[in-house]
Amino acid sequence: MKPRKSEEQLPGRAAALLLVLCVSGMRAETARYSVPEEAERGSFVANIAKDLGLTGEELLARRARVVPEGEKQYLQLNQHTGDLVVREQMDREELCGQSEPCLVRFEVLLESPLQSFRAEVRLIDINDHAPVFLNKEIVLKIPESAVLGTRFLLERAHDPDVGNNSLQHYSISSNEYFLVYTRRRSDGRKYAELVLDRALDREQQAEVAFSITAVDGGNPPRSGTALIRVVVLDINDNSPVFTQTLYKVSVMENSSEDTIVVVVSASDLDAGTNGEIVYSIVQNPEENLQTFKINPETGQIRLKKPLDYEEKKSYEIDVQATDGGDLSTHCNVEVQVKDVNDNAPEVIITSLTSTLSEAAPPDTVVALFNVRDRDSGDNGRTTCELTGEQPFRITLLAADAYALVTSETLDREQVEEYNVTVRARDEGSPALSTSKTLLVRLLDVNDNAPTFTQAIYTMVMSENEPAGRSLGRLSATDPDAGENAGVRYSLVPPPTGTLAAASFVSVDAESGTVRTLRPLDYEKVPAFEVTVTAADGGSPPLSAQAVLRIVVRDENDNAPVLLHPGLDSSAAGELVPRWAPSGYLVAKVVAVDADAGQNAWLSYELAKATEPGLFRVGLHSGEVRTARAVTERDAARQRLIVLVRDRGRPPRSATATLAVALVDDFSDAFHQLGHDPTGGQQPQVAEEEMLTTYLIASLCCVSSLFVLSVLVLTANTLCRARVRAELPPPSPSCYADGDVASDGVGVGSTGTLSPAYRYEMCLTSGSGRSEFQFLRSILPSLHSNSEAGLDKDQEPLHHSQPPCDREAPAGNTVTPPFQPKD
């Protein structure tokens, strides 16, 4: 039989839902629909969108779905059209048995915002079952003395259909003795009574046989047939009589097996075997025979198994009492089952989101569930709660329908998953409860940026270190998970116009290992900083920055460089008077080293000299001084080689060559500078002649200027002498400290040079010799004096010339170093 659509079966079904059920707990009227049982899959039931006043797009946007009351999903919602259709065939007899109406309850759930609508589909019974007799042959024993109109109870046929499709009436085949009447019990079930219409005569006919037919009201009707055999007995004057034709009892559902339900009693006026009564349960469904038993002698009806109020609430038992002459009578026993609180509530999960984003806002639906208790009254009323402190709460959607929603923001980094325990409790005495644990895992959201273990990383690399060497490793952590926790490292490009430090090192994107890209020169780049970014793999990615400072460790890769004497000549010429005492400053070797630290600490030593005992070199100052007083025996030309060495590993060095001339005055100074007494090295003739020419020309110019200066000074002195006669005695005058500029070389930045030397110069008036007289240095080096080794009480040499205008203090008269220039 093909299924018919619900609008054909139930023209008056509900057209729309009346009220909206929201999360706040408001209740809505239940929408009612109908559909024939065993309708094919895909059969139309109703248009939910139309009844809710929504469009298909709105249903789809709000993720509408059908949530069944039970565990099985019989209906399906098309979100595009809003049609509610059959998902799986439903057998009304299997789902509801004899109960009527047979309802399949469900909820329509909408999200954003959360709304729930209760609805139910009534299964319309179809005539898919025929009446069936438990016994295909029914045997009745009737005495021949039975009076006309005597009624005999027949076995009831069973038809699981309901309404018009259930059993409607009985009929028997044609016979001469009996009629059949259809009777109705208080529960609506119908049974047959056989009525004697003609007196029996055992001698004429010992047995009467005919058929009985049970017919239902379906279209077309269905029927079932059984054979009745009536055995005619010899006369037994009295039949048994029950004390009650109807027994009503109640039994607790938790009664144990073999509990006495009721005791039926019948009596027979006959004597002997005709008065002996035997009790039996007859013409009952198989279920009654499996549940109850009767003592054939005492009439005690006992339980064969425990009762269950939730399965069946009442029973009707037909009891027959038969005497020894096979006369019988019947009574009816109605058993009402009383409910006890023997069923704990059931938590039925209808929808569960086992994984939830940690960014889910409060009131996000995690699970939908129903709480059902099969008991009745207070025993079936339930409450629901959560155990423990967790960021969830329970919202009542409808009667016994709940939603588990978030109550606050979530953080996966603090708690990765939750075991949410839902506890349902009834109101029975004692109360029963049950718990259901839901596992909710949080999905990570990229809400945490990577974090460096240090704000500033300092790494050291050696100068000239080859490319590809590992300097260290950066480390950043991200508390997120999966791709959101994957950290990649990179260098931040420097601003335009700044040092391209990013070209010196590289950072491995995966491991954070820092490697050199090219060798570096400490003297050019002693240190540099770059900014490193650690970005995670989220979308969008989050990042953090740290400073990477690279310090270049100096290597001894630079030899000392001479500043004085310069490298433009093979040897530097210095003049030393013959009367120079021990400790006399001859020259100062000045050198610098581009390295740093110990690699730049310089020491000086005399590597080679014409007369090794005549000169010495300050270890740290580089000052070349006389080691003893100069004598007439010393050679006029001295050649010194000074070795300058740093303290690197290995050390590097440079040499300076000094040519020293021991002179009595300037005239032999130029002569001696042009000749090498040792004869070891002979300059080229052309160069010597050219140099001599330059020196003579320079000497002539200087002499002319000197003579002119003497004349001017003499005239000035005469003028002053004339004025002094009229003025107080003159005060000595001489060149002050600021009148002569110092030619000393000072290199303060390198730390390897001593302070500059300045000399005071005086010209003598009235002298017959045109020569400079040099007095002691005004700012002698303390270090140099210590190297000279002079005693404080040593008598200085006095010059034989008269003092200048200002009387010079007593001191050593020395000749400064002199170097001829081209």
Foldseek 3Di string as FASTA:
>chain_A
DAWDEQCVVCVPFFQAWDDWFALQFDATDAGEWETAAQHDWFGWIHQHCRRHVHALVQLVVQVKWKFWQDDDDQWGADSNHSTITGHDGGDQCVQPFQDPFRKTKIWIFTVPPTIIHIYIYTHDYALPWAWEFPAQEAEAEAALPDDFFDKDWDFATDTRTDDQSGWDFKAKDDDDFWGKDWDADPVGGITIIIGTHDGDDCVVPQKDKIKMKTWGRHVVIHIYMHIYIYGYFHDDPWAKAKPDQEAEFEDEQPDAFFAFTDATDIFIPDDDQQGQKFKAWPSADPVVVCFWGAHRRGRTITGHGGHDCLVPFKDKIKMWIAGSRRHIDIHIYIYGYDYALPWAKDKAWRDADQEAALADAWFAFGTKIFIFTSTDDQSTAKDKFKDDDDQWGWGHRYRRIITITGNHGGDCLVPFKDFIKMKMWTRHVVIHIDIDTGIHGYAWALPWAKAWPDQEAEWEAEAQDAWPDWTDFTDIFTSTDDQSTQKFKFWDQDDPPDDRVVQQWTAGGRTRTITGNGGHACLVDQKDKTKMKIWTRHVVIHIDIHIYIYGYHYALPWAKAWPPPHPPDQAWEWEWEQQDFFLAFTDATDIFTSTDDQSTQKFKFWPDKPDVQQWTAHGQARTITGRGHHHPPDDQKMKTKMKMWTRGVVIHIDIHIYIYGHDNADVVVVVPVLDDVVPPDDDDPVVSVVVVVVVVVVVVVVVVVLVVVLVVVVVVVVVVVVVCVVPPHDAFDFDDPPPDDFPFDDDVVRVRHDDGWDWGWGDAHPDPDPHTWTFDIPDDDPVSVVVSVDDPPDDEDADPDAAHSHRDDDGHTIDGIDGDDD
